[in-house]
Protein backbone atom coordinates (compact mmCIF):
# COMPACT_ATOMS: atom_id res chain seq x y z
CA UNK A 1 -40.33 -50.57 -6.48
CA UNK A 2 -36.95 -50.81 -8.40
CA UNK A 3 -36.55 -47.38 -9.69
CA UNK A 4 -33.62 -45.51 -11.56
CA UNK A 5 -33.60 -41.88 -11.16
CA UNK A 6 -32.28 -40.07 -14.42
CA UNK A 7 -31.94 -36.18 -15.11
CA UNK A 8 -29.48 -33.57 -15.84
CA UNK A 9 -27.00 -31.77 -13.09
CA UNK A 10 -29.27 -29.06 -11.56
CA UNK A 11 -32.43 -31.12 -11.93
CA UNK A 12 -32.71 -31.86 -8.16
CA UNK A 13 -32.15 -35.81 -8.26
CA UNK A 14 -30.62 -35.52 -5.02
CA UNK A 15 -33.40 -33.68 -3.06
CA UNK A 16 -36.03 -35.83 -5.27
CA UNK A 17 -34.29 -39.27 -4.47
CA UNK A 18 -34.65 -38.71 -0.50
CA UNK A 19 -38.36 -37.81 -0.57
CA UNK A 20 -39.27 -40.60 -3.12
CA UNK A 21 -37.16 -43.21 -0.90
CA UNK A 22 -38.81 -42.15 2.20
CA UNK A 23 -42.33 -42.02 0.63
CA UNK A 24 -41.83 -45.48 -0.88
CA UNK A 25 -39.92 -47.17 2.04
CA UNK A 26 -37.05 -48.07 -0.11
CA UNK A 27 -33.38 -47.15 0.46
CA UNK A 28 -31.81 -44.10 -1.84
CA UNK A 29 -28.56 -45.81 -3.59
CA UNK A 30 -26.30 -42.91 -5.09
CA UNK A 31 -22.78 -43.34 -6.51
CA UNK A 32 -21.08 -40.90 -4.36
CA UNK A 33 -22.54 -42.94 -1.02
CA UNK A 34 -21.40 -46.25 -2.64
CA UNK A 35 -18.04 -45.21 -3.18
CA UNK A 36 -17.48 -43.20 0.12
CA UNK A 37 -19.06 -46.21 2.05
CA UNK A 38 -16.59 -48.77 0.15
CA UNK A 39 -13.49 -46.53 0.80
CA UNK A 40 -14.30 -45.93 4.34
CA UNK A 41 -14.75 -49.70 4.84
CA UNK A 42 -11.78 -50.69 3.12
CA UNK A 43 -13.58 -53.22 1.06
CA UNK A 44 -11.79 -54.80 -2.05
CA UNK A 45 -13.91 -52.50 -4.49
CA UNK A 46 -13.22 -49.46 -2.18
CA UNK A 47 -9.62 -50.07 -2.36
CA UNK A 48 -9.73 -50.56 -6.50
CA UNK A 49 -11.71 -47.22 -6.63
CA UNK A 50 -9.46 -45.39 -4.44
CA UNK A 51 -6.37 -46.37 -6.61
CA UNK A 52 -8.28 -45.00 -9.60
CA UNK A 53 -9.18 -41.83 -8.30
CA UNK A 54 -6.00 -41.08 -6.38
CA UNK A 55 -4.38 -41.48 -9.95
CA UNK A 56 -7.16 -38.70 -10.79
CA UNK A 57 -8.79 -41.36 -13.48
CA UNK A 58 -12.35 -42.36 -13.86
CA UNK A 59 -13.35 -45.65 -12.00
CA UNK A 60 -13.88 -48.21 -14.26
CA UNK A 61 -17.61 -49.69 -14.80
CA UNK A 62 -17.26 -52.71 -13.65
CA UNK A 63 -15.98 -51.46 -10.00
CA UNK A 64 -18.92 -49.12 -9.74
CA UNK A 65 -21.46 -51.98 -11.39
CA UNK A 66 -19.80 -54.46 -8.44
CA UNK A 67 -20.65 -51.63 -5.90
CA UNK A 68 -24.10 -51.27 -6.87
CA UNK A 69 -24.91 -54.87 -7.23
CA UNK A 70 -23.51 -55.26 -3.72
CA UNK A 71 -25.80 -52.91 -2.39
CA UNK A 72 -28.90 -53.78 -3.88
CA UNK A 73 -28.58 -57.37 -2.36
CA UNK A 74 -28.41 -56.19 1.15
CA UNK A 75 -31.55 -57.10 2.99
CA UNK A 76 -32.94 -53.43 3.09
CA UNK A 77 -33.09 -53.51 -0.53
CA UNK A 78 -35.07 -56.79 -0.71
CA UNK A 79 -38.30 -54.76 -1.63
CA UNK A 80 -36.83 -52.24 -4.14
CA UNK A 81 -34.44 -49.32 -4.26
CA UNK A 82 -33.90 -45.93 -5.96
CA UNK A 83 -30.94 -45.67 -8.01
CA UNK A 84 -29.33 -41.96 -8.30
CA UNK A 85 -26.44 -41.38 -10.27
CA UNK A 86 -26.36 -45.00 -11.65
CA UNK A 87 -26.37 -46.12 -14.58
CA UNK A 88 -24.51 -43.36 -16.11
CA UNK A 89 -24.04 -44.64 -19.69
CA UNK A 90 -25.57 -47.35 -22.02
CA UNK A 91 -22.97 -49.81 -20.94
CA UNK A 92 -23.79 -49.60 -17.27
CA UNK A 93 -27.53 -49.97 -18.00
CA UNK A 94 -26.74 -53.24 -19.92
CA UNK A 95 -24.66 -54.65 -16.85
CA UNK A 96 -27.14 -53.82 -14.57
CA UNK A 97 -29.76 -55.54 -16.66
CA UNK A 98 -27.72 -58.76 -16.47
CA UNK A 99 -27.04 -58.06 -12.52
CA UNK A 100 -30.80 -58.01 -12.05
CA UNK A 101 -31.62 -60.88 -14.24
CA UNK A 102 -29.08 -62.95 -12.31
CA UNK A 103 -31.16 -62.20 -9.18
CA UNK A 104 -34.45 -62.93 -11.15
CA UNK A 105 -35.46 -59.05 -10.49
CA UNK A 106 -36.28 -56.26 -12.92
CA UNK A 107 -36.77 -52.47 -12.89
CA UNK A 108 -39.93 -50.87 -12.45
CA UNK A 109 -39.67 -47.61 -13.69
CA UNK A 110 -36.89 -44.99 -14.73
CA UNK A 111 -38.15 -41.54 -13.76
CA UNK A 112 -36.89 -38.92 -16.15
CA UNK A 113 -36.59 -35.43 -14.37
CA UNK A 114 -36.94 -32.77 -17.09
CA UNK A 115 -35.31 -29.34 -16.89
CA UNK A 116 -34.80 -26.96 -19.68
CA UNK A 117 -31.12 -26.24 -20.12
CA UNK A 118 -31.24 -22.57 -19.24
CA UNK A 119 -33.00 -23.22 -15.93
CA UNK A 120 -30.06 -25.92 -15.15
CA UNK A 121 -27.61 -23.17 -15.71
CA UNK A 122 -29.29 -20.37 -13.87
CA UNK A 123 -30.00 -23.10 -11.04
CA UNK A 124 -26.56 -23.80 -10.79
CA UNK A 125 -24.33 -20.74 -11.84
CA UNK A 126 -26.27 -18.80 -9.17
CA UNK A 127 -25.18 -20.61 -6.18
CA UNK A 128 -22.96 -18.96 -3.81
CA UNK A 129 -21.31 -20.59 -1.10
CA UNK A 130 -20.22 -19.50 2.20
CA UNK A 131 -16.05 -19.70 2.53
CA UNK A 132 -16.61 -20.84 6.11
CA UNK A 133 -16.63 -24.25 7.32
CA UNK A 134 -20.50 -24.27 7.74
CA UNK A 135 -20.51 -23.76 3.96
CA UNK A 136 -24.20 -22.53 4.18
CA UNK A 137 -25.70 -22.04 0.30
CA UNK A 138 -27.35 -18.94 -1.21
CA UNK A 139 -28.80 -18.19 -4.72
CA UNK A 140 -28.62 -14.93 -6.48
CA UNK A 141 -32.30 -15.27 -7.55
CA UNK A 142 -33.95 -17.89 -5.09
CA UNK A 143 -31.92 -17.53 -1.84
CA UNK A 144 -30.62 -14.32 -1.86
CA UNK A 145 -28.87 -13.11 1.31
CA UNK A 146 -29.49 -10.15 3.15
CA UNK A 147 -26.34 -8.28 2.50
CA UNK A 148 -24.98 -9.18 -0.94
CA UNK A 149 -21.60 -11.58 -0.67
CA UNK A 150 -22.23 -12.16 3.05
CA UNK A 151 -23.58 -15.23 4.80
CA UNK A 152 -26.63 -14.49 6.79
CA UNK A 153 -25.88 -17.18 9.21
CA UNK A 154 -22.12 -16.60 10.14
CA UNK A 155 -21.01 -13.38 8.15
CA UNK A 156 -18.65 -15.34 6.05
CA UNK A 157 -17.71 -14.21 2.45
CA UNK A 158 -19.80 -15.95 -0.26
CA UNK A 159 -18.33 -17.30 -3.28
CA UNK A 160 -19.03 -19.16 -6.62
CA UNK A 161 -17.16 -22.60 -6.94
CA UNK A 162 -15.28 -23.16 -9.84
CA UNK A 163 -17.96 -26.35 -10.36
CA UNK A 164 -20.80 -23.67 -10.51
CA UNK A 165 -19.50 -21.24 -13.29
CA UNK A 166 -21.78 -21.16 -16.30
CA UNK A 167 -18.72 -22.58 -18.64
CA UNK A 168 -18.29 -25.50 -16.42
CA UNK A 169 -21.94 -26.14 -15.96
CA UNK A 170 -22.43 -26.27 -19.92
CA UNK A 171 -19.62 -28.68 -20.19
CA UNK A 172 -21.41 -30.88 -17.58
CA UNK A 173 -24.56 -30.83 -19.44
CA UNK A 174 -22.53 -31.70 -22.61
CA UNK A 175 -21.22 -34.95 -20.62
CA UNK A 176 -24.77 -35.58 -19.59
CA UNK A 177 -25.94 -35.22 -23.20
CA UNK A 178 -23.42 -37.61 -24.60
CA UNK A 179 -22.91 -40.10 -21.98
CA UNK A 180 -25.95 -40.33 -19.88
CA UNK A 181 -28.99 -39.37 -21.79
CA UNK A 182 -28.86 -42.18 -24.36
CA UNK A 183 -30.19 -44.33 -21.27
CA UNK A 184 -33.25 -42.77 -21.34
CA UNK A 185 -33.58 -43.98 -25.31
CA UNK A 186 -32.20 -47.55 -24.11
CA UNK A 187 -34.97 -47.89 -21.32
CA UNK A 188 -37.78 -46.33 -23.14
CA UNK A 189 -37.63 -49.28 -25.58
CA UNK A 190 -38.21 -51.33 -22.60
CA UNK A 191 -41.29 -49.28 -21.72
CA UNK A 192 -39.84 -48.26 -18.64
CA UNK A 193 -39.41 -44.31 -18.98
CA UNK A 194 -41.69 -41.94 -17.04
CA UNK A 195 -40.73 -38.41 -17.89
CA UNK A 196 -41.91 -35.38 -15.35
CA UNK A 197 -41.15 -31.93 -15.16
CA UNK A 198 -38.68 -31.00 -12.73
CA UNK A 199 -39.84 -27.23 -12.37
CA UNK A 200 -41.89 -25.58 -9.37
CA UNK A 201 -41.68 -26.33 -5.61
CA UNK A 202 -39.94 -29.61 -4.36
CA UNK A 203 -43.02 -31.09 -3.07
CA UNK A 204 -44.89 -30.60 -6.36
CA UNK A 205 -41.96 -32.35 -8.30
CA UNK A 206 -42.38 -35.12 -5.54
CA UNK A 207 -46.29 -35.25 -6.27
CA UNK A 208 -45.64 -35.71 -10.01
CA UNK A 209 -43.15 -38.26 -9.48
CA UNK A 210 -45.43 -40.39 -7.29
CA UNK A 211 -48.40 -40.00 -9.69
CA UNK A 212 -46.33 -41.09 -12.45
CA UNK A 213 -45.23 -44.22 -10.38
CA UNK A 214 -48.80 -44.95 -9.58
CA UNK A 215 -48.60 -44.29 -6.17
């Protein structure tokens, strides 16, 4: 199967992508992994991406699309793939369609993980990270440490990252709503979107996803 995974920050896309890719025996392709792999290997696309990142600029769509296309053409993706974090906007979705048509393949589904906005804020803003190298993760509601502010594992101080503060989370959600969410309507017109609730235990969400995918 060829799947695009969509959802707001905090929806659990990375976790679900890993489980779904394993259950479906297809590679999990994330934008972050693409960037890291190409930069570490020193590919031409990786060098281009690094130059923009080093300058504090967004990596242009054509560079991201080039990386994704190259990854989708690898032998382990011949029977399908799961895209996580790409496409991020309608122009990337249109470019992906063109790239797939060139290879005479098409998407099978776009899985939309639906989470209420207040739940997203609660999930992300409640995270607390250990300052020590281990960087263990706790949560004020879902995984509380035995002693407030102290890591259970190494005794390090727990803190809230700037990226996890409520005002930052809400800004990230605004970006998602304006840039990424429109691809859901784009793919809905193609009859590809399958929306499921991302609330509940990880295994419950995975089961819903597999059912939606007809597996």
